[in-house]
Amino acid sequence: MKKRDLHRAEPHRDLMKSHLIREEAHDPYQTRRKLREPSICSQCDAVYREGRWQWMDDNPQGASDDLCPACQRIRDDYPAGELTLSGGFFAAHREEILRLVRNEAAAETAEHAINRIMGIEERPKEAVVTTTDIHLPARIGRALEHAYKGQVEIQFDREGYFARAKWQRA
């Protein structure tokens, strides 16, 4: 390689070093291959159509079987998000707050088939909600903050494709 060619290659390396080009975080459960459309999830009956998983009134004829990303996460017990609920107010209003959590998640799931609650682990002084999506804990946390005040903290680990939120009220 001639010296002149090396000089031309250096700006590219400088561009990479300047962090102008950054890799995006990718969901390890995002489909890496093009699915045959339509496909039906063999666990939950969500339908992959027009490039996304969605609920349909009738399952299309001749659809192939597949497993949606939400059902894969549930099978592997590998959540994308976590919301911890705590505080004296939570302890006193546990059932009411958990009802709001479930209702908010149901509204999200109705619109986006793969955004779901995986489980709710109830502990003596708190509850931990795990989700198949990184945005659902933030949505639920903000809904709790709007309805009951308190404080919500949200942290995204983009490299690990994980969201952790905490809502508490004394």
N, C-alpha and C. Protein backbone atom coordinates (compact mmCIF):
# COMPACT_ATOMS: atom_id res chain seq x y z
N MET A 1 0.86 -1.18 0.00
CA MET A 1 0.00 0.00 0.00
C MET A 1 0.90 1.23 0.00
N LYS A 2 0.58 2.17 -0.86
CA LYS A 2 1.37 3.39 -0.96
C LYS A 2 1.04 4.32 0.20
N LYS A 3 1.96 5.19 0.49
CA LYS A 3 1.77 6.14 1.57
C LYS A 3 0.52 6.99 1.35
N ARG A 4 0.30 7.36 0.11
CA ARG A 4 -0.85 8.16 -0.25
C ARG A 4 -2.16 7.43 0.11
N ASP A 5 -2.22 6.10 -0.10
CA ASP A 5 -3.40 5.31 0.23
C ASP A 5 -3.64 5.23 1.73
N LEU A 6 -2.57 5.13 2.51
CA LEU A 6 -2.71 5.10 3.96
C LEU A 6 -3.30 6.41 4.46
N HIS A 7 -2.84 7.51 3.87
CA HIS A 7 -3.34 8.81 4.28
C HIS A 7 -4.85 8.91 4.05
N ARG A 8 -5.32 8.34 2.97
CA ARG A 8 -6.74 8.39 2.67
C ARG A 8 -7.55 7.53 3.65
N ALA A 9 -6.95 6.49 4.18
CA ALA A 9 -7.67 5.60 5.08
C ALA A 9 -7.79 6.19 6.49
N GLU A 10 -6.89 7.07 6.85
CA GLU A 10 -6.88 7.61 8.21
C GLU A 10 -8.13 8.40 8.59
N PRO A 11 -8.69 9.22 7.73
CA PRO A 11 -9.90 9.94 8.13
C PRO A 11 -11.04 8.99 8.53
N HIS A 12 -11.12 7.85 7.87
CA HIS A 12 -12.13 6.88 8.23
C HIS A 12 -11.91 6.38 9.66
N ARG A 13 -10.66 6.08 10.01
CA ARG A 13 -10.36 5.65 11.38
C ARG A 13 -10.65 6.75 12.38
N ASP A 14 -10.34 7.99 12.02
CA ASP A 14 -10.62 9.11 12.92
C ASP A 14 -12.12 9.27 13.13
N LEU A 15 -12.89 9.05 12.09
CA LEU A 15 -14.33 9.13 12.20
C LEU A 15 -14.85 8.07 13.16
N MET A 16 -14.32 6.86 13.07
CA MET A 16 -14.74 5.80 13.96
C MET A 16 -14.38 6.14 15.41
N LYS A 17 -13.21 6.70 15.62
CA LYS A 17 -12.75 7.05 16.97
C LYS A 17 -13.56 8.19 17.56
N SER A 18 -14.09 9.06 16.72
CA SER A 18 -14.80 10.23 17.24
C SER A 18 -16.21 9.89 17.72
N HIS A 19 -16.59 8.64 17.61
CA HIS A 19 -17.89 8.17 18.08
C HIS A 19 -19.06 8.76 17.30
N LEU A 20 -18.79 9.27 16.10
CA LEU A 20 -19.89 9.74 15.28
C LEU A 20 -20.68 8.55 14.75
N ILE A 21 -20.01 7.43 14.60
CA ILE A 21 -20.67 6.22 14.18
C ILE A 21 -20.75 5.32 15.40
N ARG A 22 -21.96 5.06 15.86
CA ARG A 22 -22.15 4.23 17.04
C ARG A 22 -23.02 3.04 16.69
N GLU A 23 -22.71 1.93 17.27
CA GLU A 23 -23.57 0.77 17.07
C GLU A 23 -24.81 0.92 17.94
N GLU A 24 -25.94 0.51 17.38
CA GLU A 24 -27.17 0.55 18.14
C GLU A 24 -27.29 -0.72 18.96
N ALA A 25 -27.99 -0.62 20.06
CA ALA A 25 -28.27 -1.80 20.87
C ALA A 25 -29.35 -2.61 20.17
N HIS A 26 -29.19 -3.89 20.16
CA HIS A 26 -30.16 -4.76 19.49
C HIS A 26 -30.73 -5.76 20.48
N ASP A 27 -32.01 -5.97 20.35
CA ASP A 27 -32.70 -6.95 21.17
C ASP A 27 -32.25 -8.34 20.73
N PRO A 28 -31.68 -9.14 21.64
CA PRO A 28 -31.23 -10.47 21.24
C PRO A 28 -32.38 -11.38 20.83
N TYR A 29 -33.61 -11.01 21.13
CA TYR A 29 -34.77 -11.81 20.75
C TYR A 29 -35.47 -11.29 19.50
N GLN A 30 -34.94 -10.22 18.94
CA GLN A 30 -35.52 -9.71 17.70
C GLN A 30 -35.24 -10.72 16.59
N THR A 31 -36.22 -10.94 15.76
CA THR A 31 -36.08 -11.91 14.68
C THR A 31 -34.95 -11.50 13.75
N ARG A 32 -34.00 -12.41 13.55
CA ARG A 32 -32.83 -12.13 12.71
C ARG A 32 -33.08 -12.51 11.25
N ARG A 33 -34.10 -13.27 11.02
CA ARG A 33 -34.40 -13.70 9.66
C ARG A 33 -35.79 -13.20 9.28
N LYS A 34 -36.02 -13.12 8.02
CA LYS A 34 -37.34 -12.71 7.55
C LYS A 34 -38.29 -13.87 7.73
N LEU A 35 -39.34 -13.65 8.51
CA LEU A 35 -40.34 -14.69 8.73
C LEU A 35 -41.28 -14.76 7.53
N ARG A 36 -41.77 -15.95 7.29
CA ARG A 36 -42.78 -16.14 6.26
C ARG A 36 -44.07 -15.48 6.79
N GLU A 37 -44.70 -14.72 5.94
CA GLU A 37 -45.94 -14.07 6.34
C GLU A 37 -47.12 -14.77 5.71
N PRO A 38 -48.17 -14.98 6.43
CA PRO A 38 -48.28 -14.77 7.87
C PRO A 38 -47.71 -15.96 8.63
N SER A 39 -47.26 -15.69 9.86
CA SER A 39 -46.84 -16.73 10.80
C SER A 39 -47.66 -16.56 12.07
N ILE A 40 -47.92 -17.67 12.75
CA ILE A 40 -48.68 -17.63 14.00
C ILE A 40 -47.80 -18.17 15.11
N CYS A 41 -47.78 -17.47 16.25
CA CYS A 41 -47.03 -17.95 17.41
C CYS A 41 -47.75 -19.18 17.96
N SER A 42 -47.01 -20.24 18.12
CA SER A 42 -47.59 -21.50 18.59
C SER A 42 -47.99 -21.46 20.07
N GLN A 43 -47.56 -20.44 20.80
CA GLN A 43 -47.91 -20.32 22.22
C GLN A 43 -49.06 -19.37 22.48
N CYS A 44 -49.04 -18.19 21.85
CA CYS A 44 -50.02 -17.16 22.21
C CYS A 44 -50.98 -16.78 21.09
N ASP A 45 -50.76 -17.31 19.91
CA ASP A 45 -51.60 -17.03 18.73
C ASP A 45 -51.45 -15.61 18.17
N ALA A 46 -50.38 -14.91 18.53
CA ALA A 46 -50.10 -13.63 17.87
C ALA A 46 -49.73 -13.95 16.42
N VAL A 47 -50.02 -13.02 15.52
CA VAL A 47 -49.77 -13.24 14.10
C VAL A 47 -48.71 -12.27 13.62
N TYR A 48 -47.70 -12.81 12.92
CA TYR A 48 -46.68 -11.97 12.29
C TYR A 48 -47.18 -11.63 10.90
N ARG A 49 -47.46 -10.35 10.70
CA ARG A 49 -48.01 -9.89 9.44
C ARG A 49 -47.60 -8.45 9.23
N GLU A 50 -47.28 -8.11 8.01
CA GLU A 50 -46.85 -6.75 7.65
C GLU A 50 -45.65 -6.32 8.47
N GLY A 51 -44.77 -7.29 8.76
CA GLY A 51 -43.50 -6.98 9.43
C GLY A 51 -43.55 -6.85 10.94
N ARG A 52 -44.68 -7.18 11.56
CA ARG A 52 -44.74 -7.08 13.02
C ARG A 52 -45.72 -8.10 13.59
N TRP A 53 -45.55 -8.39 14.87
CA TRP A 53 -46.44 -9.30 15.59
C TRP A 53 -47.65 -8.51 16.04
N GLN A 54 -48.83 -9.05 15.80
CA GLN A 54 -50.06 -8.34 16.14
C GLN A 54 -51.17 -9.34 16.46
N TRP A 55 -52.21 -8.84 17.09
CA TRP A 55 -53.38 -9.67 17.38
C TRP A 55 -54.34 -9.54 16.22
N MET A 56 -54.95 -10.65 15.86
CA MET A 56 -55.95 -10.64 14.80
C MET A 56 -57.19 -11.40 15.28
N ASP A 57 -58.34 -10.99 14.79
CA ASP A 57 -59.58 -11.67 15.17
C ASP A 57 -59.62 -13.11 14.67
N ASP A 58 -59.18 -13.31 13.44
CA ASP A 58 -59.16 -14.65 12.85
C ASP A 58 -57.75 -14.99 12.41
N ASN A 59 -57.31 -16.19 12.72
CA ASN A 59 -55.99 -16.63 12.28
C ASN A 59 -56.03 -16.91 10.78
N PRO A 60 -55.06 -16.39 10.04
CA PRO A 60 -55.07 -16.60 8.59
C PRO A 60 -54.82 -18.06 8.21
N GLN A 61 -55.44 -18.48 7.15
CA GLN A 61 -55.28 -19.84 6.64
C GLN A 61 -53.88 -20.00 6.05
N GLY A 62 -53.30 -21.17 6.24
CA GLY A 62 -52.00 -21.48 5.64
C GLY A 62 -50.81 -20.81 6.30
N ALA A 63 -51.00 -20.27 7.48
CA ALA A 63 -49.90 -19.60 8.17
C ALA A 63 -48.92 -20.63 8.73
N SER A 64 -47.65 -20.24 8.77
CA SER A 64 -46.65 -21.14 9.35
C SER A 64 -46.55 -20.90 10.85
N ASP A 65 -46.10 -21.92 11.58
CA ASP A 65 -45.92 -21.81 13.03
C ASP A 65 -44.55 -21.23 13.34
N ASP A 66 -44.51 -20.37 14.33
CA ASP A 66 -43.26 -19.80 14.82
C ASP A 66 -43.48 -19.45 16.28
N LEU A 67 -42.45 -18.97 16.94
CA LEU A 67 -42.56 -18.54 18.33
C LEU A 67 -42.21 -17.06 18.37
N CYS A 68 -43.13 -16.24 18.87
CA CYS A 68 -42.89 -14.80 18.91
C CYS A 68 -41.81 -14.47 19.94
N PRO A 69 -41.16 -13.31 19.83
CA PRO A 69 -40.11 -12.94 20.77
C PRO A 69 -40.56 -12.90 22.23
N ALA A 70 -41.81 -12.49 22.49
CA ALA A 70 -42.30 -12.45 23.87
C ALA A 70 -42.38 -13.85 24.45
N CYS A 71 -42.91 -14.79 23.70
CA CYS A 71 -43.01 -16.17 24.18
C CYS A 71 -41.63 -16.81 24.33
N GLN A 72 -40.69 -16.42 23.48
CA GLN A 72 -39.31 -16.91 23.62
C GLN A 72 -38.71 -16.41 24.94
N ARG A 73 -38.91 -15.13 25.24
CA ARG A 73 -38.40 -14.56 26.50
C ARG A 73 -39.03 -15.25 27.70
N ILE A 74 -40.34 -15.47 27.64
CA ILE A 74 -41.04 -16.12 28.74
C ILE A 74 -40.52 -17.54 28.91
N ARG A 75 -40.34 -18.26 27.82
CA ARG A 75 -39.81 -19.63 27.87
C ARG A 75 -38.41 -19.66 28.51
N ASP A 76 -37.58 -18.68 28.13
CA ASP A 76 -36.21 -18.62 28.62
C ASP A 76 -36.08 -17.92 29.97
N ASP A 77 -37.17 -17.35 30.48
CA ASP A 77 -37.16 -16.55 31.71
C ASP A 77 -36.08 -15.47 31.63
N TYR A 78 -36.13 -14.69 30.54
CA TYR A 78 -35.13 -13.68 30.24
C TYR A 78 -35.83 -12.34 29.97
N PRO A 79 -36.19 -11.61 31.04
CA PRO A 79 -36.93 -10.35 30.84
C PRO A 79 -36.08 -9.26 30.20
N ALA A 80 -36.78 -8.34 29.54
CA ALA A 80 -36.15 -7.16 28.96
C ALA A 80 -36.30 -5.96 29.88
N GLY A 81 -37.22 -6.06 30.84
CA GLY A 81 -37.46 -4.96 31.75
C GLY A 81 -37.92 -5.43 33.10
N GLU A 82 -37.72 -4.53 34.08
CA GLU A 82 -38.08 -4.85 35.46
C GLU A 82 -38.55 -3.57 36.14
N LEU A 83 -39.64 -3.67 36.88
CA LEU A 83 -40.17 -2.54 37.63
C LEU A 83 -40.36 -2.98 39.07
N THR A 84 -39.72 -2.27 40.00
CA THR A 84 -39.85 -2.57 41.42
C THR A 84 -40.77 -1.53 42.05
N LEU A 85 -41.77 -2.00 42.78
CA LEU A 85 -42.75 -1.15 43.46
C LEU A 85 -42.51 -1.27 44.95
N SER A 86 -42.40 -0.13 45.64
CA SER A 86 -42.13 -0.20 47.07
C SER A 86 -42.61 1.06 47.79
N GLY A 87 -42.48 1.03 49.11
CA GLY A 87 -42.84 2.17 49.94
C GLY A 87 -44.07 1.88 50.78
N GLY A 88 -44.28 2.71 51.77
CA GLY A 88 -45.42 2.56 52.67
C GLY A 88 -46.75 2.68 51.96
N PHE A 89 -46.84 3.59 51.00
CA PHE A 89 -48.08 3.75 50.25
C PHE A 89 -48.38 2.49 49.44
N PHE A 90 -47.33 1.90 48.86
CA PHE A 90 -47.51 0.66 48.12
C PHE A 90 -48.02 -0.45 49.05
N ALA A 91 -47.43 -0.55 50.22
CA ALA A 91 -47.86 -1.59 51.17
C ALA A 91 -49.33 -1.43 51.55
N ALA A 92 -49.78 -0.19 51.71
CA ALA A 92 -51.15 0.07 52.12
C ALA A 92 -52.16 -0.08 50.98
N HIS A 93 -51.70 0.07 49.73
CA HIS A 93 -52.59 0.04 48.57
C HIS A 93 -52.13 -0.98 47.53
N ARG A 94 -51.55 -2.05 47.98
CA ARG A 94 -50.93 -3.06 47.10
C ARG A 94 -51.87 -3.54 45.99
N GLU A 95 -53.06 -4.00 46.34
CA GLU A 95 -53.97 -4.57 45.35
C GLU A 95 -54.41 -3.54 44.31
N GLU A 96 -54.71 -2.33 44.76
CA GLU A 96 -55.14 -1.27 43.87
C GLU A 96 -54.01 -0.91 42.88
N ILE A 97 -52.80 -0.82 43.39
CA ILE A 97 -51.65 -0.47 42.55
C ILE A 97 -51.36 -1.59 41.55
N LEU A 98 -51.40 -2.83 42.01
CA LEU A 98 -51.14 -3.95 41.10
C LEU A 98 -52.23 -4.05 40.02
N ARG A 99 -53.45 -3.66 40.36
CA ARG A 99 -54.52 -3.63 39.36
C ARG A 99 -54.19 -2.61 38.27
N LEU A 100 -53.72 -1.43 38.68
CA LEU A 100 -53.33 -0.42 37.70
C LEU A 100 -52.18 -0.93 36.84
N VAL A 101 -51.21 -1.62 37.44
CA VAL A 101 -50.08 -2.19 36.70
C VAL A 101 -50.59 -3.15 35.63
N ARG A 102 -51.48 -4.05 36.02
CA ARG A 102 -52.02 -5.03 35.07
C ARG A 102 -52.85 -4.36 33.97
N ASN A 103 -53.64 -3.36 34.33
CA ASN A 103 -54.45 -2.65 33.34
C ASN A 103 -53.59 -1.89 32.34
N GLU A 104 -52.55 -1.24 32.82
CA GLU A 104 -51.63 -0.50 31.94
C GLU A 104 -50.91 -1.47 31.00
N ALA A 105 -50.50 -2.61 31.52
CA ALA A 105 -49.83 -3.61 30.69
C ALA A 105 -50.80 -4.19 29.66
N ALA A 106 -52.05 -4.42 30.06
CA ALA A 106 -53.05 -4.96 29.13
C ALA A 106 -53.30 -3.99 27.98
N ALA A 107 -53.32 -2.69 28.27
CA ALA A 107 -53.52 -1.69 27.22
C ALA A 107 -52.34 -1.71 26.24
N GLU A 108 -51.15 -1.85 26.76
CA GLU A 108 -49.95 -1.92 25.91
C GLU A 108 -49.95 -3.19 25.08
N THR A 109 -50.29 -4.31 25.70
CA THR A 109 -50.29 -5.60 25.01
C THR A 109 -51.36 -5.62 23.91
N ALA A 110 -52.49 -4.98 24.14
CA ALA A 110 -53.54 -4.93 23.11
C ALA A 110 -53.04 -4.23 21.86
N GLU A 111 -52.19 -3.23 22.04
CA GLU A 111 -51.65 -2.46 20.91
C GLU A 111 -50.40 -3.10 20.33
N HIS A 112 -49.55 -3.65 21.18
CA HIS A 112 -48.28 -4.25 20.76
C HIS A 112 -48.20 -5.66 21.35
N ALA A 113 -48.45 -6.64 20.53
CA ALA A 113 -48.60 -8.03 20.99
C ALA A 113 -47.40 -8.58 21.75
N ILE A 114 -46.21 -8.10 21.48
CA ILE A 114 -45.04 -8.68 22.14
C ILE A 114 -44.58 -7.89 23.37
N ASN A 115 -45.33 -6.90 23.78
CA ASN A 115 -45.01 -6.13 24.99
C ASN A 115 -45.93 -6.59 26.11
N ARG A 116 -45.39 -7.42 27.00
CA ARG A 116 -46.23 -8.06 28.02
C ARG A 116 -45.54 -8.13 29.38
N ILE A 117 -46.35 -8.36 30.39
CA ILE A 117 -45.82 -8.70 31.71
C ILE A 117 -45.46 -10.18 31.68
N MET A 118 -44.27 -10.50 32.14
CA MET A 118 -43.86 -11.90 32.26
C MET A 118 -44.31 -12.48 33.59
N GLY A 119 -44.18 -11.66 34.64
CA GLY A 119 -44.57 -12.12 35.96
C GLY A 119 -44.53 -10.99 36.97
N ILE A 120 -45.18 -11.22 38.09
CA ILE A 120 -45.16 -10.29 39.22
C ILE A 120 -44.77 -11.10 40.44
N GLU A 121 -43.61 -10.78 40.98
CA GLU A 121 -43.14 -11.46 42.18
C GLU A 121 -43.47 -10.58 43.38
N GLU A 122 -44.36 -11.05 44.20
CA GLU A 122 -44.76 -10.27 45.38
C GLU A 122 -43.89 -10.66 46.56
N ARG A 123 -43.28 -9.66 47.15
CA ARG A 123 -42.42 -9.84 48.32
C ARG A 123 -43.07 -9.10 49.48
N PRO A 124 -42.60 -9.32 50.71
CA PRO A 124 -43.24 -8.67 51.87
C PRO A 124 -43.34 -7.15 51.78
N LYS A 125 -42.29 -6.47 51.33
CA LYS A 125 -42.30 -5.01 51.31
C LYS A 125 -42.29 -4.40 49.91
N GLU A 126 -42.32 -5.25 48.88
CA GLU A 126 -42.27 -4.74 47.52
C GLU A 126 -42.82 -5.78 46.55
N ALA A 127 -42.93 -5.38 45.30
CA ALA A 127 -43.28 -6.30 44.22
C ALA A 127 -42.37 -5.98 43.05
N VAL A 128 -41.99 -7.02 42.30
CA VAL A 128 -41.14 -6.85 41.13
C VAL A 128 -41.89 -7.39 39.92
N VAL A 129 -42.07 -6.50 38.95
CA VAL A 129 -42.77 -6.82 37.72
C VAL A 129 -41.73 -6.99 36.62
N THR A 130 -41.73 -8.14 35.94
CA THR A 130 -40.82 -8.35 34.83
C THR A 130 -41.61 -8.30 33.53
N THR A 131 -40.96 -7.78 32.47
CA THR A 131 -41.64 -7.56 31.20
C THR A 131 -40.82 -8.08 30.03
N THR A 132 -41.50 -8.26 28.90
CA THR A 132 -40.85 -8.72 27.68
C THR A 132 -40.32 -7.55 26.85
N ASP A 133 -40.51 -6.34 27.31
CA ASP A 133 -40.16 -5.14 26.55
C ASP A 133 -39.43 -4.14 27.44
N ILE A 134 -38.53 -3.37 26.86
CA ILE A 134 -37.78 -2.41 27.67
C ILE A 134 -38.57 -1.14 27.97
N HIS A 135 -39.62 -0.86 27.22
CA HIS A 135 -40.37 0.38 27.42
C HIS A 135 -41.56 0.23 28.37
N LEU A 136 -42.03 -0.99 28.56
CA LEU A 136 -43.20 -1.21 29.40
C LEU A 136 -42.97 -0.82 30.88
N PRO A 137 -41.83 -1.11 31.49
CA PRO A 137 -41.63 -0.66 32.88
C PRO A 137 -41.73 0.86 33.04
N ALA A 138 -41.19 1.59 32.07
CA ALA A 138 -41.27 3.05 32.12
C ALA A 138 -42.71 3.52 31.97
N ARG A 139 -43.45 2.91 31.06
CA ARG A 139 -44.86 3.29 30.86
C ARG A 139 -45.66 3.06 32.13
N ILE A 140 -45.47 1.91 32.75
CA ILE A 140 -46.20 1.60 33.98
C ILE A 140 -45.77 2.53 35.10
N GLY A 141 -44.47 2.76 35.23
CA GLY A 141 -43.96 3.65 36.27
C GLY A 141 -44.51 5.06 36.14
N ARG A 142 -44.57 5.57 34.91
CA ARG A 142 -45.13 6.91 34.70
C ARG A 142 -46.63 6.95 35.00
N ALA A 143 -47.34 5.88 34.68
CA ALA A 143 -48.77 5.81 34.99
C ALA A 143 -48.99 5.82 36.50
N LEU A 144 -48.14 5.10 37.23
CA LEU A 144 -48.22 5.10 38.71
C LEU A 144 -47.91 6.49 39.26
N GLU A 145 -46.90 7.13 38.71
CA GLU A 145 -46.53 8.47 39.16
C GLU A 145 -47.68 9.45 38.89
N HIS A 146 -48.34 9.32 37.76
CA HIS A 146 -49.46 10.19 37.42
C HIS A 146 -50.66 9.94 38.35
N ALA A 147 -50.94 8.67 38.60
CA ALA A 147 -52.13 8.31 39.39
C ALA A 147 -51.93 8.48 40.88
N TYR A 148 -50.76 8.13 41.37
CA TYR A 148 -50.53 8.08 42.83
C TYR A 148 -49.39 8.96 43.32
N LYS A 149 -48.85 9.78 42.44
CA LYS A 149 -47.68 10.59 42.77
C LYS A 149 -46.50 9.65 43.01
N GLY A 150 -45.76 9.87 44.04
CA GLY A 150 -44.58 9.05 44.26
C GLY A 150 -43.47 9.45 43.31
N GLN A 151 -42.45 8.61 43.23
CA GLN A 151 -41.29 8.92 42.41
C GLN A 151 -40.91 7.70 41.58
N VAL A 152 -40.67 7.93 40.30
CA VAL A 152 -40.23 6.85 39.42
C VAL A 152 -38.82 7.16 38.93
N GLU A 153 -37.97 6.16 38.95
CA GLU A 153 -36.61 6.26 38.40
C GLU A 153 -36.49 5.19 37.33
N ILE A 154 -35.92 5.60 36.18
CA ILE A 154 -35.80 4.67 35.06
C ILE A 154 -34.36 4.66 34.57
N GLN A 155 -33.83 3.47 34.39
CA GLN A 155 -32.47 3.30 33.87
C GLN A 155 -32.52 2.35 32.70
N PHE A 156 -31.89 2.74 31.60
CA PHE A 156 -31.79 1.88 30.43
C PHE A 156 -30.34 1.42 30.26
N ASP A 157 -30.16 0.15 30.10
CA ASP A 157 -28.85 -0.41 29.75
C ASP A 157 -28.95 -0.77 28.28
N ARG A 158 -28.57 0.15 27.43
CA ARG A 158 -28.74 -0.04 25.98
C ARG A 158 -27.89 -1.19 25.46
N GLU A 159 -26.70 -1.34 25.98
CA GLU A 159 -25.83 -2.43 25.51
C GLU A 159 -26.40 -3.80 25.89
N GLY A 160 -27.00 -3.89 27.07
CA GLY A 160 -27.57 -5.15 27.52
C GLY A 160 -29.02 -5.31 27.14
N TYR A 161 -29.60 -4.30 26.48
CA TYR A 161 -31.00 -4.27 26.10
C TYR A 161 -31.87 -4.66 27.30
N PHE A 162 -31.80 -3.79 28.33
CA PHE A 162 -32.55 -4.04 29.55
C PHE A 162 -32.94 -2.70 30.17
N ALA A 163 -34.14 -2.63 30.75
CA ALA A 163 -34.60 -1.43 31.44
C ALA A 163 -34.97 -1.80 32.87
N ARG A 164 -34.57 -0.95 33.79
CA ARG A 164 -34.90 -1.16 35.21
C ARG A 164 -35.57 0.12 35.70
N ALA A 165 -36.75 -0.03 36.25
CA ALA A 165 -37.47 1.12 36.79
C ALA A 165 -37.85 0.83 38.24
N LYS A 166 -37.94 1.90 39.02
CA LYS A 166 -38.36 1.77 40.41
C LYS A 166 -39.41 2.85 40.67
N TRP A 167 -40.51 2.45 41.27
CA TRP A 167 -41.52 3.41 41.70
C TRP A 167 -41.71 3.21 43.20
N GLN A 168 -41.69 4.34 43.90
CA GLN A 168 -41.92 4.26 45.35
C GLN A 168 -42.63 5.51 45.84
N ARG A 169 -43.35 5.31 46.93
CA ARG A 169 -44.00 6.43 47.62
C ARG A 169 -44.05 6.03 49.09
N ALA A 170 -43.57 6.94 49.90
CA ALA A 170 -43.50 6.69 51.35
C ALA A 170 -44.87 6.55 51.99
